[in-house]
Protein backbone atom coordinates (compact mmCIF):
# COMPACT_ATOMS: atom_id res chain seq x y z
CA MET A 1 101.69 111.85 90.26
CA ASN A 2 99.90 112.39 93.53
CA GLU A 3 99.49 109.68 96.37
CA GLU A 4 96.04 108.67 95.15
CA THR A 5 97.27 108.06 91.73
CA LYS A 6 100.06 105.87 92.90
CA ASN A 7 97.35 103.42 94.12
CA THR A 8 95.96 102.59 90.72
CA SER A 9 96.65 99.47 88.74
CA GLU A 10 98.75 101.26 86.19
CA SER A 11 100.89 102.64 88.94
CA LEU A 12 101.26 99.16 90.53
CA ASP A 13 102.26 97.82 87.16
CA LEU A 14 105.02 100.59 87.00
CA LYS A 15 106.30 99.74 90.45
CA MET A 16 106.46 96.08 89.57
CA PHE A 17 108.20 97.02 86.33
CA ALA A 18 110.71 99.15 88.27
CA ASP A 19 111.30 96.50 90.74
CA LYS A 20 112.09 93.90 87.85
CA LEU A 21 114.51 96.41 86.11
CA VAL A 22 116.42 96.95 89.32
CA GLU A 23 116.66 93.08 89.72
CA GLU A 24 117.77 92.77 86.07
CA LYS A 25 120.49 95.35 86.53
CA LYS A 26 122.18 93.00 88.93
CA TYR A 27 123.47 95.50 91.66
CA PRO A 28 126.19 93.95 93.98
CA GLU A 29 124.56 91.40 96.48
CA ASN A 30 126.18 93.37 99.36
CA LEU A 31 124.11 96.62 98.95
CA GLU A 32 121.87 97.20 101.92
CA LYS A 33 118.09 96.67 101.53
CA GLU A 34 117.49 100.54 102.04
CA VAL A 35 119.73 101.39 99.26
CA ILE A 36 118.09 98.98 96.90
CA ASP A 37 114.66 100.36 98.05
CA GLN A 38 116.00 103.80 97.16
CA ILE A 39 117.11 102.74 93.75
CA LYS A 40 113.81 101.28 93.11
CA LYS A 41 111.94 104.31 94.23
CA ASP A 42 114.16 106.49 92.03
CA VAL A 43 113.58 104.16 89.02
CA LEU A 44 109.82 104.31 89.63
CA SER A 45 109.91 108.13 89.77
CA ARG A 46 111.92 108.16 86.38
CA LEU A 47 109.33 105.85 84.90
CA GLU A 48 106.42 108.11 86.02
CA ASP A 49 108.11 111.07 84.66
CA ALA A 50 108.74 109.19 81.08
CA VAL A 51 104.98 108.14 81.00
CA ASN A 52 103.82 111.65 81.94
CA MET A 53 106.12 113.10 79.13
CA VAL A 54 104.55 110.62 76.66
CA ILE A 55 101.16 111.90 77.60
CA ILE A 56 101.96 115.58 77.70
CA SER A 57 103.95 115.53 74.43
CA ASN A 58 101.10 113.75 72.53
CA LEU A 59 98.34 116.17 73.61
CA SER A 60 97.29 118.81 71.12
CA GLU A 61 97.29 122.34 72.51
CA ASP A 62 93.62 122.37 73.20
CA LYS A 63 93.72 118.98 74.74
CA LEU A 64 96.66 120.14 76.99
CA VAL A 65 94.54 123.11 78.17
CA GLU A 66 91.73 120.68 79.15
CA PHE A 67 94.30 118.31 80.66
CA ASN A 68 95.54 121.12 82.94
CA ASP A 69 92.04 122.15 83.90
CA LEU A 70 91.40 118.55 84.99
CA MET A 71 94.49 118.53 86.92
CA ASP A 72 93.27 121.66 88.69
CA LYS A 73 89.90 120.13 89.30
CA ASP A 74 91.74 117.09 91.04
CA VAL A 75 89.43 114.61 89.03
CA SER A 76 89.40 110.97 89.78
CA ASP A 77 92.18 108.75 88.21
CA GLU A 78 89.68 107.06 86.16
CA GLU A 79 88.49 110.22 84.72
CA MET A 80 92.00 111.41 83.86
CA GLN A 81 92.89 107.92 82.36
CA LYS A 82 89.84 108.07 80.31
CA PHE A 83 90.52 111.59 79.07
CA CYS A 84 94.13 110.64 78.10
CA SER A 85 93.08 107.37 76.39
CA ASP A 86 90.19 109.42 74.36
CA SER A 87 92.68 112.29 73.57
CA ILE A 88 95.57 110.20 72.42
CA PRO A 89 95.21 107.63 69.86
CA GLY A 90 97.30 104.57 70.54
CA LEU A 91 98.28 105.68 74.07
CA SER A 92 98.92 102.33 75.35
CA GLN A 93 101.33 101.47 72.51
CA LEU A 94 103.12 104.84 73.06
CA ILE A 95 103.62 104.09 76.70
CA ALA A 96 104.85 100.56 75.91
CA SER A 97 107.40 101.90 73.48
CA GLU A 98 108.53 104.39 75.88
CA LEU A 99 108.81 101.67 78.58
CA ILE A 100 110.83 99.45 76.21
CA LEU A 101 113.20 102.24 75.38
CA PHE A 102 113.65 103.23 79.18
CA LYS A 103 114.49 99.41 79.78
CA GLN A 104 117.05 99.41 77.07
CA THR A 105 118.64 102.51 78.31
CA TYR A 106 118.54 101.64 81.95
CA LEU A 107 120.04 98.07 81.48
CA ALA A 108 122.76 99.15 78.98
């Protein structure tokens, strides 16, 4: 995800989700703030990768070609989200399922 994408509400939701996961993991209280911040950043990156994999793995071959073309054109986040939503039936549910699985794995 590029810097612009990180400013979307979906990305803010992922950031809040990552922050909550790190809190729920109950790392030792004596960890420095910088360490916790780096853990949160790493978890967010892994979450973004997981969401991106859900999208890519659920696109048909022809839609994947279109997706790559859109990426090359650097279209707006809204256009990309619309394309993904239109191209992948039940995308929100697929992403939600992936986030639940990620949470279960991370907190195990």
